[in-house]
């Protein structure tokens, strides 16, 4: 199979699966180091995936450092699992993912939305 680092996350996927791009985007955004294994291009990865999922080619499947397997996780479940995981070379990933709505843009958007609601209410 593909050579991976000991503290590296594995992501099994295949072209055309609509659930894979959001998972990859989340991992990239969080700065998580991972190996993407395309089960259509890598026969050994497909065999290993079927072992992990009880004979199915369920993608995306994520294997966290330490061996925890997430089969077809949604972005929320993956975000939670990454927040709990120790990701070796990316110690800030969990904290970054937990930040969620603490981004300063959200209060600004709330103020804009309230101003729009008030403007509509006054104009009617």
PDB file of N, CA and C in Angstrom:
ATOM      1  N   UNK A   1       0.840  -1.179   0.000  1.00  0.00           N
ATOM      2  CA  UNK A   1       0.000   0.000   0.000  1.00  0.00           C
ATOM      3  C   UNK A   1       0.884   1.241   0.000  1.00  0.00           C
ATOM      4  N   UNK A   2       0.305   2.424   0.074  1.00  0.00           N
ATOM      5  CA  UNK A   2       1.053   3.665   0.061  1.00  0.00           C
ATOM      6  C   UNK A   2       1.789   3.845   1.376  1.00  0.00           C
ATOM      7  N   UNK A   3       3.008   4.362   1.313  1.00  0.00           N
ATOM      8  CA  UNK A   3       3.801   4.628   2.502  1.00  0.00           C
ATOM      9  C   UNK A   3       3.207   5.819   3.238  1.00  0.00           C
ATOM     10  N   UNK A   4       2.948   5.661   4.536  1.00  0.00           N
ATOM     11  CA  UNK A   4       2.354   6.740   5.324  1.00  0.00           C
ATOM     12  C   UNK A   4       3.206   7.007   6.550  1.00  0.00           C
ATOM     13  N   UNK A   5       3.038   8.179   7.119  1.00  0.00           N
ATOM     14  CA  UNK A   5       3.721   8.547   8.352  1.00  0.00           C
ATOM     15  C   UNK A   5       2.951   7.973   9.533  1.00  0.00           C
ATOM     16  N   UNK A   6       3.635   7.672  10.658  1.00  0.00           N
ATOM     17  CA  UNK A   6       2.957   7.024  11.782  1.00  0.00           C
ATOM     18  C   UNK A   6       1.830   7.849  12.396  1.00  0.00           C
ATOM     19  N   UNK A   7       1.943   9.160  12.431  1.00  0.00           N
ATOM     20  CA  UNK A   7       0.897  10.001  13.028  1.00  0.00           C
ATOM     21  C   UNK A   7      -0.003  10.625  11.973  1.00  0.00           C
ATOM     22  N   UNK A   8      -0.017  10.040  10.802  1.00  0.00           N
ATOM     23  CA  UNK A   8      -0.765  10.630   9.699  1.00  0.00           C
ATOM     24  C   UNK A   8      -2.148  10.020   9.561  1.00  0.00           C
ATOM     25  N   UNK A   9      -3.071  10.832   9.208  1.00  0.00           N
ATOM     26  CA  UNK A   9      -4.447  10.415   8.968  1.00  0.00           C
ATOM     27  C   UNK A   9      -4.564   9.847   7.553  1.00  0.00           C
ATOM     28  N   UNK A  10      -5.388   8.816   7.390  1.00  0.00           N
ATOM     29  CA  UNK A  10      -5.645   8.242   6.064  1.00  0.00           C
ATOM     30  C   UNK A  10      -7.068   8.571   5.655  1.00  0.00           C
ATOM     31  N   UNK A  11      -7.241   8.915   4.400  1.00  0.00           N
ATOM     32  CA  UNK A  11      -8.569   9.185   3.848  1.00  0.00           C
ATOM     33  C   UNK A  11      -8.750   8.322   2.611  1.00  0.00           C
ATOM     34  N   UNK A  12      -9.693   7.391   2.677  1.00  0.00           N
ATOM     35  CA  UNK A  12     -10.030   6.544   1.526  1.00  0.00           C
ATOM     36  C   UNK A  12     -11.160   7.223   0.763  1.00  0.00           C
ATOM     37  N   UNK A  13     -11.023   7.294  -0.550  1.00  0.00           N
ATOM     38  CA  UNK A  13     -12.056   7.906  -1.365  1.00  0.00           C
ATOM     39  C   UNK A  13     -12.007   7.373  -2.780  1.00  0.00           C
ATOM     40  N   UNK A  14     -12.897   7.911  -3.595  1.00  0.00           N
ATOM     41  CA  UNK A  14     -12.920   7.562  -5.017  1.00  0.00           C
ATOM     42  C   UNK A  14     -13.507   8.732  -5.782  1.00  0.00           C
ATOM     43  N   UNK A  15     -13.130   8.868  -7.045  1.00  0.00           N
ATOM     44  CA  UNK A  15     -13.670   9.956  -7.861  1.00  0.00           C
ATOM     45  C   UNK A  15     -15.189   9.832  -7.983  1.00  0.00           C
ATOM     46  N   UNK A  16     -15.845  10.946  -7.985  1.00  0.00           N
ATOM     47  CA  UNK A  16     -17.296  10.963  -8.175  1.00  0.00           C
ATOM     48  C   UNK A  16     -18.103  10.880  -6.904  1.00  0.00           C
ATOM     49  N   UNK A  17     -17.480  10.576  -5.781  1.00  0.00           N
ATOM     50  CA  UNK A  17     -18.225  10.519  -4.521  1.00  0.00           C
ATOM     51  C   UNK A  17     -18.434  11.947  -4.024  1.00  0.00           C
ATOM     52  N   UNK A  18     -19.681  12.379  -3.863  1.00  0.00           N
ATOM     53  CA  UNK A  18     -19.935  13.760  -3.459  1.00  0.00           C
ATOM     54  C   UNK A  18     -19.554  14.064  -2.011  1.00  0.00           C
ATOM     55  N   UNK A  19     -19.324  13.034  -1.207  1.00  0.00           N
ATOM     56  CA  UNK A  19     -18.988  13.264   0.194  1.00  0.00           C
ATOM     57  C   UNK A  19     -17.494  13.470   0.415  1.00  0.00           C
ATOM     58  N   UNK A  20     -16.661  13.082  -0.542  1.00  0.00           N
ATOM     59  CA  UNK A  20     -15.214  13.185  -0.365  1.00  0.00           C
ATOM     60  C   UNK A  20     -14.724  14.638  -0.407  1.00  0.00           C
ATOM     61  N   UNK A  21     -15.129  15.474  -1.364  1.00  0.00           N
ATOM     62  CA  UNK A  21     -14.600  16.846  -1.405  1.00  0.00           C
ATOM     63  C   UNK A  21     -14.827  17.658  -0.118  1.00  0.00           C
ATOM     64  N   UNK A  22     -16.008  17.596   0.529  1.00  0.00           N
ATOM     65  CA  UNK A  22     -16.141  18.356   1.775  1.00  0.00           C
ATOM     66  C   UNK A  22     -15.208  17.868   2.884  1.00  0.00           C
ATOM     67  N   UNK A  23     -14.965  16.571   2.934  1.00  0.00           N
ATOM     68  CA  UNK A  23     -14.048  16.020   3.938  1.00  0.00           C
ATOM     69  C   UNK A  23     -12.629  16.498   3.649  1.00  0.00           C
ATOM     70  N   UNK A  24     -12.225  16.439   2.394  1.00  0.00           N
ATOM     71  CA  UNK A  24     -10.878  16.917   2.032  1.00  0.00           C
ATOM     72  C   UNK A  24     -10.741  18.407   2.312  1.00  0.00           C
ATOM     73  N   UNK A  25     -11.783  19.175   2.030  1.00  0.00           N
ATOM     74  CA  UNK A  25     -11.737  20.623   2.281  1.00  0.00           C
ATOM     75  C   UNK A  25     -11.571  20.909   3.769  1.00  0.00           C
ATOM     76  N   UNK A  26     -12.285  20.173   4.612  1.00  0.00           N
ATOM     77  CA  UNK A  26     -12.166  20.363   6.051  1.00  0.00           C
ATOM     78  C   UNK A  26     -10.751  20.043   6.523  1.00  0.00           C
ATOM     79  N   UNK A  27     -10.201  18.941   6.065  1.00  0.00           N
ATOM     80  CA  UNK A  27      -8.843  18.565   6.453  1.00  0.00           C
ATOM     81  C   UNK A  27      -7.820  19.589   5.975  1.00  0.00           C
ATOM     82  N   UNK A  28      -7.976  20.054   4.741  1.00  0.00           N
ATOM     83  CA  UNK A  28      -7.052  21.049   4.198  1.00  0.00           C
ATOM     84  C   UNK A  28      -7.154  22.358   4.976  1.00  0.00           C
ATOM     85  N   UNK A  29      -8.387  22.792   5.260  1.00  0.00           N
ATOM     86  CA  UNK A  29      -8.617  24.039   5.981  1.00  0.00           C
ATOM     87  C   UNK A  29      -8.000  23.985   7.378  1.00  0.00           C
ATOM     88  N   UNK A  30      -8.068  22.822   8.012  1.00  0.00           N
ATOM     89  CA  UNK A  30      -7.529  22.666   9.363  1.00  0.00           C
ATOM     90  C   UNK A  30      -6.021  22.445   9.366  1.00  0.00           C
ATOM     91  N   UNK A  31      -5.429  22.264   8.191  1.00  0.00           N
ATOM     92  CA  UNK A  31      -3.992  22.041   8.104  1.00  0.00           C
ATOM     93  C   UNK A  31      -3.574  20.652   8.554  1.00  0.00           C
ATOM     94  N   UNK A  32      -4.489  19.703   8.469  1.00  0.00           N
ATOM     95  CA  UNK A  32      -4.203  18.335   8.882  1.00  0.00           C
ATOM     96  C   UNK A  32      -3.430  17.627   7.771  1.00  0.00           C
ATOM     97  N   UNK A  33      -2.335  16.970   8.150  1.00  0.00           N
ATOM     98  CA  UNK A  33      -1.557  16.183   7.193  1.00  0.00           C
ATOM     99  C   UNK A  33      -2.275  14.848   7.026  1.00  0.00           C
ATOM    100  N   UNK A  34      -2.564  14.485   5.787  1.00  0.00           N
ATOM    101  CA  UNK A  34      -3.248  13.220   5.538  1.00  0.00           C
ATOM    102  C   UNK A  34      -2.802  12.632   4.208  1.00  0.00           C
ATOM    103  N   UNK A  35      -3.060  11.337   4.069  1.00  0.00           N
ATOM    104  CA  UNK A  35      -2.793  10.646   2.812  1.00  0.00           C
ATOM    105  C   UNK A  35      -4.131  10.270   2.202  1.00  0.00           C
ATOM    106  N   UNK A  36      -4.347  10.706   0.962  1.00  0.00           N
ATOM    107  CA  UNK A  36      -5.570  10.367   0.251  1.00  0.00           C
ATOM    108  C   UNK A  36      -5.321   9.100  -0.560  1.00  0.00           C
ATOM    109  N   UNK A  37      -6.150   8.103  -0.345  1.00  0.00           N
ATOM    110  CA  UNK A  37      -6.020   6.829  -1.046  1.00  0.00           C
ATOM    111  C   UNK A  37      -7.222   6.640  -1.966  1.00  0.00           C
ATOM    112  N   UNK A  38      -6.985   6.741  -3.260  1.00  0.00           N
ATOM    113  CA  UNK A  38      -8.029   6.576  -4.269  1.00  0.00           C
ATOM    114  C   UNK A  38      -8.213   5.080  -4.522  1.00  0.00           C
ATOM    115  N   UNK A  39      -9.347   4.542  -4.100  1.00  0.00           N
ATOM    116  CA  UNK A  39      -9.558   3.094  -4.205  1.00  0.00           C
ATOM    117  C   UNK A  39      -9.745   2.618  -5.641  1.00  0.00           C
ATOM    118  N   UNK A  40      -9.946   3.530  -6.574  1.00  0.00           N
ATOM    119  CA  UNK A  40     -10.044   3.145  -7.987  1.00  0.00           C
ATOM    120  C   UNK A  40      -8.660   3.028  -8.621  1.00  0.00           C
ATOM    121  N   UNK A  41      -7.694   3.755  -8.083  1.00  0.00           N
ATOM    122  CA  UNK A  41      -6.332   3.737  -8.614  1.00  0.00           C
ATOM    123  C   UNK A  41      -5.413   2.807  -7.831  1.00  0.00           C
ATOM    124  N   UNK A  42      -5.779   2.494  -6.593  1.00  0.00           N
ATOM    125  CA  UNK A  42      -4.915   1.728  -5.710  1.00  0.00           C
ATOM    126  C   UNK A  42      -5.676   0.487  -5.222  1.00  0.00           C
ATOM    127  N   UNK A  43      -5.407  -0.650  -5.851  1.00  0.00           N
ATOM    128  CA  UNK A  43      -6.112  -1.894  -5.542  1.00  0.00           C
ATOM    129  C   UNK A  43      -5.875  -2.317  -4.098  1.00  0.00           C
ATOM    130  N   UNK A  44      -4.648  -2.158  -3.620  1.00  0.00           N
ATOM    131  CA  UNK A  44      -4.338  -2.526  -2.235  1.00  0.00           C
ATOM    132  C   UNK A  44      -5.135  -1.680  -1.244  1.00  0.00           C
ATOM    133  N   UNK A  45      -5.315  -0.399  -1.562  1.00  0.00           N
ATOM    134  CA  UNK A  45      -6.111   0.477  -0.699  1.00  0.00           C
ATOM    135  C   UNK A  45      -7.566   0.023  -0.679  1.00  0.00           C
ATOM    136  N   UNK A  46      -8.088  -0.416  -1.829  1.00  0.00           N
ATOM    137  CA  UNK A  46      -9.469  -0.904  -1.897  1.00  0.00           C
ATOM    138  C   UNK A  46      -9.645  -2.153  -1.037  1.00  0.00           C
ATOM    139  N   UNK A  47      -8.659  -3.033  -1.073  1.00  0.00           N
ATOM    140  CA  UNK A  47      -8.704  -4.258  -0.256  1.00  0.00           C
ATOM    141  C   UNK A  47      -8.686  -3.889   1.225  1.00  0.00           C
ATOM    142  N   UNK A  48      -7.804  -2.981   1.606  1.00  0.00           N
ATOM    143  CA  UNK A  48      -7.703  -2.555   3.006  1.00  0.00           C
ATOM    144  C   UNK A  48      -8.997  -1.868   3.458  1.00  0.00           C
ATOM    145  N   UNK A  49      -9.575  -1.047   2.586  1.00  0.00           N
ATOM    146  CA  UNK A  49     -10.838  -0.377   2.912  1.00  0.00           C
ATOM    147  C   UNK A  49     -11.938  -1.398   3.197  1.00  0.00           C
ATOM    148  N   UNK A  50     -12.033  -2.417   2.366  1.00  0.00           N
ATOM    149  CA  UNK A  50     -13.059  -3.454   2.583  1.00  0.00           C
ATOM    150  C   UNK A  50     -12.843  -4.180   3.912  1.00  0.00           C
ATOM    151  N   UNK A  51     -11.592  -4.350   4.320  1.00  0.00           N
ATOM    152  CA  UNK A  51     -11.312  -4.951   5.631  1.00  0.00           C
ATOM    153  C   UNK A  51     -11.821  -4.040   6.750  1.00  0.00           C
ATOM    154  N   UNK A  52     -11.631  -2.750   6.584  1.00  0.00           N
ATOM    155  CA  UNK A  52     -12.026  -1.789   7.610  1.00  0.00           C
ATOM    156  C   UNK A  52     -13.540  -1.627   7.726  1.00  0.00           C
ATOM    157  N   UNK A  53     -14.242  -1.835   6.614  1.00  0.00           N
ATOM    158  CA  UNK A  53     -15.679  -1.539   6.579  1.00  0.00           C
ATOM    159  C   UNK A  53     -16.562  -2.776   6.489  1.00  0.00           C
ATOM    160  N   UNK A  54     -16.016  -3.927   6.758  1.00  0.00           N
ATOM    161  CA  UNK A  54     -16.827  -5.136   6.729  1.00  0.00           C
ATOM    162  C   UNK A  54     -17.200  -5.594   5.335  1.00  0.00           C
ATOM    163  N   UNK A  55     -16.332  -5.323   4.364  1.00  0.00           N
ATOM    164  CA  UNK A  55     -16.547  -5.799   3.008  1.00  0.00           C
ATOM    165  C   UNK A  55     -17.106  -4.761   2.051  1.00  0.00           C
ATOM    166  N   UNK A  56     -17.329  -3.558   2.524  1.00  0.00           N
ATOM    167  CA  UNK A  56     -17.908  -2.509   1.678  1.00  0.00           C
ATOM    168  C   UNK A  56     -16.841  -1.521   1.226  1.00  0.00           C
ATOM    169  N   UNK A  57     -17.136  -0.819   0.146  1.00  0.00           N
ATOM    170  CA  UNK A  57     -16.266   0.254  -0.330  1.00  0.00           C
ATOM    171  C   UNK A  57     -16.891   1.594   0.040  1.00  0.00           C
ATOM    172  N   UNK A  58     -17.166   1.754   1.310  1.00  0.00           N
ATOM    173  CA  UNK A  58     -17.799   2.971   1.823  1.00  0.00           C
ATOM    174  C   UNK A  58     -16.770   4.093   1.890  1.00  0.00           C
ATOM    175  N   UNK A  59     -17.048   5.143   1.132  1.00  0.00           N
ATOM    176  CA  UNK A  59     -16.164   6.305   1.144  1.00  0.00           C
ATOM    177  C   UNK A  59     -16.991   7.563   1.375  1.00  0.00           C
ATOM    178  N   UNK A  60     -16.418   8.548   1.998  1.00  0.00           N
ATOM    179  CA  UNK A  60     -15.077   8.563   2.531  1.00  0.00           C
ATOM    180  C   UNK A  60     -14.990   7.742   3.817  1.00  0.00           C
ATOM    181  N   UNK A  61     -13.850   7.118   4.005  1.00  0.00           N
ATOM    182  CA  UNK A  61     -13.529   6.466   5.267  1.00  0.00           C
ATOM    183  C   UNK A  61     -12.234   7.094   5.751  1.00  0.00           C
ATOM    184  N   UNK A  62     -12.241   7.500   7.008  1.00  0.00           N
ATOM    185  CA  UNK A  62     -11.096   8.175   7.609  1.00  0.00           C
ATOM    186  C   UNK A  62     -10.522   7.277   8.696  1.00  0.00           C
ATOM    187  N   UNK A  63      -9.218   7.099   8.673  1.00  0.00           N
ATOM    188  CA  UNK A  63      -8.526   6.372   9.736  1.00  0.00           C
ATOM    189  C   UNK A  63      -7.643   7.388  10.460  1.00  0.00           C
ATOM    190  N   UNK A  64      -7.997   7.657  11.710  1.00  0.00           N
ATOM    191  CA  UNK A  64      -7.252   8.616  12.511  1.00  0.00           C
ATOM    192  C   UNK A  64      -5.986   7.978  13.066  1.00  0.00           C
ATOM    193  N   UNK A  65      -4.980   8.787  13.386  1.00  0.00           N
ATOM    194  CA  UNK A  65      -3.806   8.235  14.067  1.00  0.00           C
ATOM    195  C   UNK A  65      -4.281   7.515  15.327  1.00  0.00           C
ATOM    196  N   UNK A  66      -3.765   6.360  15.576  1.00  0.00           N
ATOM    197  CA  UNK A  66      -4.227   5.565  16.700  1.00  0.00           C
ATOM    198  C   UNK A  66      -5.205   4.485  16.270  1.00  0.00           C
ATOM    199  N   UNK A  67      -5.693   4.570  15.004  1.00  0.00           N
ATOM    200  CA  UNK A  67      -6.508   3.499  14.458  1.00  0.00           C
ATOM    201  C   UNK A  67      -8.008   3.693  14.465  1.00  0.00           C
ATOM    202  N   UNK A  68      -8.521   4.771  15.048  1.00  0.00           N
ATOM    203  CA  UNK A  68      -9.971   4.983  15.035  1.00  0.00           C
ATOM    204  C   UNK A  68     -10.452   5.157  13.593  1.00  0.00           C
ATOM    205  N   UNK A  69     -11.507   4.412  13.232  1.00  0.00           N
ATOM    206  CA  UNK A  69     -12.023   4.426  11.864  1.00  0.00           C
ATOM    207  C   UNK A  69     -13.384   5.118  11.842  1.00  0.00           C
ATOM    208  N   UNK A  70     -13.538   6.074  10.932  1.00  0.00           N
ATOM    209  CA  UNK A  70     -14.802   6.773  10.730  1.00  0.00           C
ATOM    210  C   UNK A  70     -15.284   6.453   9.322  1.00  0.00           C
ATOM    211  N   UNK A  71     -16.385   5.725   9.220  1.00  0.00           N
ATOM    212  CA  UNK A  71     -16.919   5.333   7.921  1.00  0.00           C
ATOM    213  C   UNK A  71     -18.002   6.322   7.525  1.00  0.00           C
ATOM    214  N   UNK A  72     -17.801   6.944   6.372  1.00  0.00           N
ATOM    215  CA  UNK A  72     -18.713   7.952   5.833  1.00  0.00           C
ATOM    216  C   UNK A  72     -19.093   9.008   6.866  1.00  0.00           C
ATOM    217  N   UNK A  73     -18.082   9.631   7.490  1.00  0.00           N
ATOM    218  CA  UNK A  73     -18.423  10.647   8.480  1.00  0.00           C
ATOM    219  C   UNK A  73     -18.919  11.918   7.805  1.00  0.00           C
ATOM    220  N   UNK A  74     -19.879  12.555   8.413  1.00  0.00           N
ATOM    221  CA  UNK A  74     -20.269  13.879   7.960  1.00  0.00           C
ATOM    222  C   UNK A  74     -19.216  14.862   8.428  1.00  0.00           C
ATOM    223  N   UNK A  75     -19.292  16.080   7.943  1.00  0.00           N
ATOM    224  CA  UNK A  75     -18.309  17.089   8.309  1.00  0.00           C
ATOM    225  C   UNK A  75     -18.361  17.361   9.815  1.00  0.00           C
ATOM    226  N   UNK A  76     -19.555  17.383  10.393  1.00  0.00           N
ATOM    227  CA  UNK A  76     -19.689  17.647  11.825  1.00  0.00           C
ATOM    228  C   UNK A  76     -19.041  16.540  12.650  1.00  0.00           C
ATOM    229  N   UNK A  77     -19.303  15.284  12.291  1.00  0.00           N
ATOM    230  CA  UNK A  77     -18.711  14.157  13.021  1.00  0.00           C
ATOM    231  C   UNK A  77     -17.192  14.160  12.869  1.00  0.00           C
ATOM    232  N   UNK A  78     -16.710  14.459  11.688  1.00  0.00           N
ATOM    233  CA  UNK A  78     -15.270  14.498  11.462  1.00  0.00           C
ATOM    234  C   UNK A  78     -14.643  15.647  12.245  1.00  0.00           C
ATOM    235  N   UNK A  79     -15.292  16.794  12.236  1.00  0.00           N
ATOM    236  CA  UNK A  79     -14.799  17.952  12.990  1.00  0.00           C
ATOM    237  C   UNK A  79     -14.667  17.589  14.472  1.00  0.00           C
ATOM    238  N   UNK A  80     -15.679  16.914  15.017  1.00  0.00           N
ATOM    239  CA  UNK A  80     -15.666  16.511  16.423  1.00  0.00           C
ATOM    240  C   UNK A  80     -14.526  15.521  16.682  1.00  0.00           C
ATOM    241  N   UNK A  81     -14.383  14.524  15.808  1.00  0.00           N
ATOM    242  CA  UNK A  81     -13.336  13.516  15.982  1.00  0.00           C
ATOM    243  C   UNK A  81     -11.944  14.135  15.892  1.00  0.00           C
ATOM    244  N   UNK A  82     -11.760  15.074  14.981  1.00  0.00           N
ATOM    245  CA  UNK A  82     -10.464  15.734  14.853  1.00  0.00           C
ATOM    246  C   UNK A  82     -10.166  16.590  16.072  1.00  0.00           C
ATOM    247  N   UNK A  83     -11.194  17.206  16.619  1.00  0.00           N
ATOM    248  CA  UNK A  83     -11.011  18.001  17.826  1.00  0.00           C
ATOM    249  C   UNK A  83     -10.576  17.153  19.000  1.00  0.00           C
ATOM    250  N   UNK A  84     -10.997  15.903  19.022  1.00  0.00           N
ATOM    251  CA  UNK A  84     -10.648  14.989  20.112  1.00  0.00           C
ATOM    252  C   UNK A  84      -9.310  14.296  19.868  1.00  0.00           C
ATOM    253  N   UNK A  85      -8.888  14.201  18.614  1.00  0.00           N
ATOM    254  CA  UNK A  85      -7.698  13.419  18.249  1.00  0.00           C
ATOM    255  C   UNK A  85      -6.426  14.206  18.504  1.00  0.00           C
ATOM    256  N   UNK A  86      -5.384  13.478  18.866  1.00  0.00           N
ATOM    257  CA  UNK A  86      -4.038  14.041  18.921  1.00  0.00           C
ATOM    258  C   UNK A  86      -3.432  13.786  17.549  1.00  0.00           C
ATOM    259  N   UNK A  87      -3.179  14.842  16.802  1.00  0.00           N
ATOM    260  CA  UNK A  87      -2.736  14.683  15.422  1.00  0.00           C
ATOM    261  C   UNK A  87      -1.235  14.887  15.240  1.00  0.00           C
ATOM    262  N   UNK A  88      -0.464  14.587  16.240  1.00  0.00           N
ATOM    263  CA  UNK A  88       0.992  14.595  16.113  1.00  0.00           C
ATOM    264  C   UNK A  88       1.559  15.923  15.679  1.00  0.00           C
ATOM    265  N   UNK A  89       1.890  16.066  14.417  1.00  0.00           N
ATOM    266  CA  UNK A  89       2.560  17.256  13.908  1.00  0.00           C
ATOM    267  C   UNK A  89       1.627  18.451  13.752  1.00  0.00           C
ATOM    268  N   UNK A  90       0.325  18.268  13.979  1.00  0.00           N
ATOM    269  CA  UNK A  90      -0.618  19.376  13.850  1.00  0.00           C
ATOM    270  C   UNK A  90      -1.363  19.575  15.162  1.00  0.00           C
ATOM    271  N   UNK A  91      -0.648  20.032  16.235  1.00  0.00           N
ATOM    272  CA  UNK A  91      -1.271  20.135  17.540  1.00  0.00           C
ATOM    273  C   UNK A  91      -2.396  21.153  17.601  1.00  0.00           C
ATOM    274  N   UNK A  92      -2.398  22.151  16.747  1.00  0.00           N
ATOM    275  CA  UNK A  92      -3.438  23.170  16.814  1.00  0.00           C
ATOM    276  C   UNK A  92      -4.696  22.824  16.045  1.00  0.00           C
ATOM    277  N   UNK A  93      -4.722  21.710  15.338  1.00  0.00           N
ATOM    278  CA  UNK A  93      -5.862  21.384  14.489  1.00  0.00           C
ATOM    279  C   UNK A  93      -7.138  21.248  15.285  1.00  0.00           C
ATOM    280  N   UNK A  94      -7.083  20.558  16.412  1.00  0.00           N
ATOM    281  CA  UNK A  94      -8.280  20.388  17.225  1.00  0.00           C
ATOM    282  C   UNK A  94      -8.818  21.711  17.706  1.00  0.00           C
ATOM    283  N   UNK A  95      -7.941  22.586  18.183  1.00  0.00           N
ATOM    284  CA  UNK A  95      -8.374  23.892  18.668  1.00  0.00           C
ATOM    285  C   UNK A  95      -8.946  24.727  17.537  1.00  0.00           C
ATOM    286  N   UNK A  96      -8.326  24.645  16.369  1.00  0.00           N
ATOM    287  CA  UNK A  96      -8.826  25.392  15.215  1.00  0.00           C
ATOM    288  C   UNK A  96     -10.226  24.939  14.852  1.00  0.00           C
ATOM    289  N   UNK A  97     -10.456  23.633  14.866  1.00  0.00           N
ATOM    290  CA  UNK A  97     -11.758  23.109  14.499  1.00  0.00           C
ATOM    291  C   UNK A  97     -12.818  23.412  15.541  1.00  0.00           C
ATOM    292  N   UNK A  98     -12.416  23.444  16.820  1.00  0.00           N
ATOM    293  CA  UNK A  98     -13.381  23.729  17.875  1.00  0.00           C
ATOM    294  C   UNK A  98     -13.799  25.197  17.879  1.00  0.00           C
ATOM    295  N   UNK A  99     -12.978  26.072  17.282  1.00  0.00           N
ATOM    296  CA  UNK A  99     -13.277  27.501  17.300  1.00  0.00           C
ATOM    297  C   UNK A  99     -14.631  27.794  16.677  1.00  0.00           C
ATOM    298  N   UNK A 100     -14.971  27.100  15.594  1.00  0.00           N
ATOM    299  CA  UNK A 100     -16.289  27.209  14.995  1.00  0.00           C
ATOM    300  C   UNK A 100     -16.777  28.623  14.791  1.00  0.00           C
ATOM    301  N   UNK A 101     -17.823  29.010  15.523  1.00  0.00           N
ATOM    302  CA  UNK A 101     -18.460  30.303  15.336  1.00  0.00           C
ATOM    303  C   UNK A 101     -17.738  31.446  16.043  1.00  0.00           C
ATOM    304  N   UNK A 102     -16.561  31.218  16.587  1.00  0.00           N
ATOM    305  CA  UNK A 102     -15.837  32.298  17.238  1.00  0.00           C
ATOM    306  C   UNK A 102     -15.142  33.202  16.225  1.00  0.00           C
ATOM    307  N   UNK A 103     -15.245  32.901  14.951  1.00  0.00           N
ATOM    308  CA  UNK A 103     -14.684  33.727  13.903  1.00  0.00           C
ATOM    309  C   UNK A 103     -15.310  35.114  13.988  1.00  0.00           C
ATOM    310  N   UNK A 104     -14.515  36.191  13.955  1.00  0.00           N
ATOM    311  CA  UNK A 104     -15.072  37.539  14.106  1.00  0.00           C
ATOM    312  C   UNK A 104     -16.021  37.965  13.002  1.00  0.00           C
ATOM    313  N   UNK A 105     -16.068  37.262  11.905  1.00  0.00           N
ATOM    314  CA  UNK A 105     -16.975  37.654  10.831  1.00  0.00           C
ATOM    315  C   UNK A 105     -18.441  37.395  11.212  1.00  0.00           C
ATOM    316  N   UNK A 106     -18.698  36.424  12.078  1.00  0.00           N
ATOM    317  CA  UNK A 106     -20.077  36.085  12.422  1.00  0.00           C
ATOM    318  C   UNK A 106     -20.808  37.196  13.174  1.00  0.00           C
ATOM    319  N   UNK A 107     -20.205  37.863  14.153  1.00  0.00           N
ATOM    320  CA  UNK A 107     -20.911  38.995  14.776  1.00  0.00           C
ATOM    321  C   UNK A 107     -21.202  40.119  13.779  1.00  0.00           C
ATOM    322  N   UNK A 108     -20.283  40.331  12.841  1.00  0.00           N
ATOM    323  CA  UNK A 108     -20.513  41.367  11.823  1.00  0.00           C
ATOM    324  C   UNK A 108     -21.700  40.989  10.953  1.00  0.00           C
ATOM    325  N   UNK A 109     -21.772  39.730  10.546  1.00  0.00           N
ATOM    326  CA  UNK A 109     -22.913  39.278   9.746  1.00  0.00           C
ATOM    327  C   UNK A 109     -24.216  39.392  10.527  1.00  0.00           C
ATOM    328  N   UNK A 110     -24.170  39.115  11.822  1.00  0.00           N
ATOM    329  CA  UNK A 110     -25.365  39.250  12.661  1.00  0.00           C
ATOM    330  C   UNK A 110     -25.827  40.701  12.702  1.00  0.00           C
ATOM    331  N   UNK A 111     -24.907  41.638  12.851  1.00  0.00           N
ATOM    332  CA  UNK A 111     -25.257  43.064  12.867  1.00  0.00           C
ATOM    333  C   UNK A 111     -25.869  43.475  11.540  1.00  0.00           C
ATOM    334  N   UNK A 112     -25.302  43.010  10.443  1.00  0.00           N
ATOM    335  CA  UNK A 112     -25.846  43.334   9.120  1.00  0.00           C
ATOM    336  C   UNK A 112     -27.254  42.768   8.970  1.00  0.00           C
ATOM    337  N   UNK A 113     -27.460  41.535   9.402  1.00  0.00           N
ATOM    338  CA  UNK A 113     -28.788  40.919   9.305  1.00  0.00           C
ATOM    339  C   UNK A 113     -29.801  41.682  10.141  1.00  0.00           C
ATOM    340  N   UNK A 114     -29.418  42.074  11.341  1.00  0.00           N
ATOM    341  CA  UNK A 114     -30.339  42.840  12.187  1.00  0.00           C
ATOM    342  C   UNK A 114     -30.659  44.206  11.575  1.00  0.00           C
ATOM    343  N   UNK A 115     -29.659  44.844  10.967  1.00  0.00           N
ATOM    344  CA  UNK A 115     -29.887  46.127  10.307  1.00  0.00           C
ATOM    345  C   UNK A 115     -30.852  45.973   9.145  1.00  0.00           C
ATOM    346  N   UNK A 116     -30.733  44.887   8.388  1.00  0.00           N
ATOM    347  CA  UNK A 116     -31.644  44.638   7.270  1.00  0.00           C
ATOM    348  C   UNK A 116     -33.076  44.390   7.776  1.00  0.00           C
ATOM    349  N   UNK A 117     -33.200  43.638   8.829  1.00  0.00           N
ATOM    350  CA  UNK A 117     -34.530  43.371   9.405  1.00  0.00           C
ATOM    351  C   UNK A 117     -35.159  44.678   9.883  1.00  0.00           C
ATOM    352  N   UNK A 118     -34.374  45.481  10.554  1.00  0.00           N
ATOM    353  CA  UNK A 118     -34.871  46.774  11.043  1.00  0.00           C
ATOM    354  C   UNK A 118     -35.264  47.679   9.872  1.00  0.00           C
ATOM    355  N   UNK A 119     -34.469  47.705   8.812  1.00  0.00           N
ATOM    356  CA  UNK A 119     -34.785  48.535   7.640  1.00  0.00           C
ATOM    357  C   UNK A 119     -36.066  48.100   6.990  1.00  0.00           C
ATOM    358  N   UNK A 120     -36.294  46.806   6.873  1.00  0.00           N
ATOM    359  CA  UNK A 120     -37.527  46.297   6.281  1.00  0.00           C
ATOM    360  C   UNK A 120     -38.713  46.622   7.163  1.00  0.00           C
ATOM    361  N   UNK A 121     -38.562  46.488   8.466  1.00  0.00           N
ATOM    362  CA  UNK A 121     -39.657  46.771   9.397  1.00  0.00           C
ATOM    363  C   UNK A 121     -40.031  48.257   9.372  1.00  0.00           C
ATOM    364  N   UNK A 122     -39.058  49.128   9.281  1.00  0.00           N
ATOM    365  CA  UNK A 122     -39.319  50.579   9.257  1.00  0.00           C
ATOM    366  C   UNK A 122     -39.949  50.998   7.954  1.00  0.00           C
ATOM    367  N   UNK A 123     -39.559  50.360   6.844  1.00  0.00           N
ATOM    368  CA  UNK A 123     -40.060  50.768   5.539  1.00  0.00           C
ATOM    369  C   UNK A 123     -41.492  50.298   5.265  1.00  0.00           C
ATOM    370  N   UNK A 124     -42.026  49.382   6.057  1.00  0.00           N
ATOM    371  CA  UNK A 124     -43.401  48.906   5.810  1.00  0.00           C
ATOM    372  C   UNK A 124     -44.423  49.564   6.670  1.00  0.00           C
TER     373      UNK A 124
END
